Amino acid sequence: MGNSRGVRLPKPLIQQAGLTDEVELEVRGNTIVIVAQKGTRAGWAEAAQKLRKEDGDRLLDAPAPNRFDDEEWTW
């Protein structure tokens, strides 16, 4: 579309790199890098564990009471 360009990659090269229909493009300096797309939420579990170890999984503000807490929930 417009001024875009297309690139054809040989099938063996795609298979060797482990690429699927969904890829990510990155620019590193003057180089374009094609990488296999990471799965949804890839790395979230590890990041959460690291955050917990660093005691960073605390609420930033004190919980604010609301109507549900005051009228509808039995503690």
Protein backbone atom coordinates (compact mmCIF):
# COMPACT_ATOMS: atom_id res chain seq x y z
CA MET A 1 0.00 0.00 0.00
CA GLY A 2 1.32 3.43 -0.80
CA ASN A 3 5.08 3.50 -0.48
CA SER A 4 5.31 0.20 1.44
CA ARG A 5 7.55 -2.59 0.20
CA GLY A 6 7.17 -6.36 0.32
CA VAL A 7 9.81 -9.00 0.96
CA ARG A 8 9.57 -12.65 -0.10
CA LEU A 9 11.30 -15.19 2.10
CA PRO A 10 12.04 -18.76 1.00
CA LYS A 11 9.94 -21.37 2.83
CA PRO A 12 13.00 -23.30 4.18
CA LEU A 13 14.33 -20.07 5.70
CA ILE A 14 10.96 -19.36 7.36
CA GLN A 15 10.83 -22.90 8.77
CA GLN A 16 14.42 -22.75 10.00
CA ALA A 17 13.68 -19.51 11.86
CA GLY A 18 10.50 -20.97 13.39
CA LEU A 19 8.32 -18.21 11.97
CA THR A 20 4.55 -18.56 11.68
CA ASP A 21 1.88 -16.41 10.05
CA GLU A 22 2.26 -13.81 12.82
CA VAL A 23 5.65 -12.11 13.19
CA GLU A 24 7.04 -8.99 14.83
CA LEU A 25 9.33 -6.51 13.12
CA GLU A 26 12.01 -4.64 15.02
CA VAL A 27 14.38 -1.93 13.88
CA ARG A 28 17.88 -2.14 15.31
CA GLY A 29 20.03 0.66 13.99
CA ASN A 30 19.79 0.34 10.22
CA THR A 31 18.65 -3.30 10.33
CA ILE A 32 15.12 -4.72 10.21
CA VAL A 33 14.75 -7.88 12.29
CA ILE A 34 11.86 -10.34 11.82
CA VAL A 35 11.10 -12.42 14.92
CA ALA A 36 8.44 -14.99 15.76
CA GLN A 37 5.56 -13.33 17.57
CA LYS A 38 5.55 -14.00 21.28
CA GLY A 39 2.45 -15.60 22.72
CA THR A 40 -0.16 -13.48 24.42
CA ARG A 41 1.02 -12.54 27.90
CA ALA A 42 4.38 -14.23 27.29
CA GLY A 43 6.65 -13.60 30.26
CA TRP A 44 3.87 -12.32 32.54
CA ALA A 45 4.27 -15.16 35.06
CA GLU A 46 8.00 -14.57 35.41
CA ALA A 47 7.48 -10.81 35.72
CA ALA A 48 4.87 -11.34 38.45
CA GLN A 49 7.19 -13.65 40.38
CA LYS A 50 10.02 -11.12 40.13
CA LEU A 51 7.70 -8.33 41.28
CA ARG A 52 6.62 -10.42 44.29
CA LYS A 53 10.24 -11.15 45.27
CA GLU A 54 10.97 -7.42 45.17
CA ASP A 55 7.85 -6.73 47.30
CA GLY A 56 6.44 -4.67 44.45
CA ASP A 57 3.01 -6.27 44.34
CA ARG A 58 1.39 -3.97 46.87
CA LEU A 59 -1.45 -1.52 46.26
CA LEU A 60 -0.24 2.02 45.65
CA ASP A 61 -3.22 3.57 47.44
CA ALA A 62 -5.34 2.40 50.35
CA PRO A 63 -8.58 0.74 49.19
CA ALA A 64 -11.46 3.22 49.02
CA PRO A 65 -14.80 2.07 50.44
CA ASN A 66 -17.69 1.90 48.01
CA ARG A 67 -21.41 1.22 48.03
CA PHE A 68 -20.93 -2.50 47.46
CA ASP A 69 -18.62 -2.78 50.47
CA ASP A 70 -20.96 -0.70 52.65
CA GLU A 71 -24.36 -2.08 51.66
CA GLU A 72 -24.16 -5.32 49.71
CA TRP A 73 -21.25 -7.31 51.12
CA THR A 74 -21.28 -9.07 54.44
CA TRP A 75 -17.87 -9.27 56.08
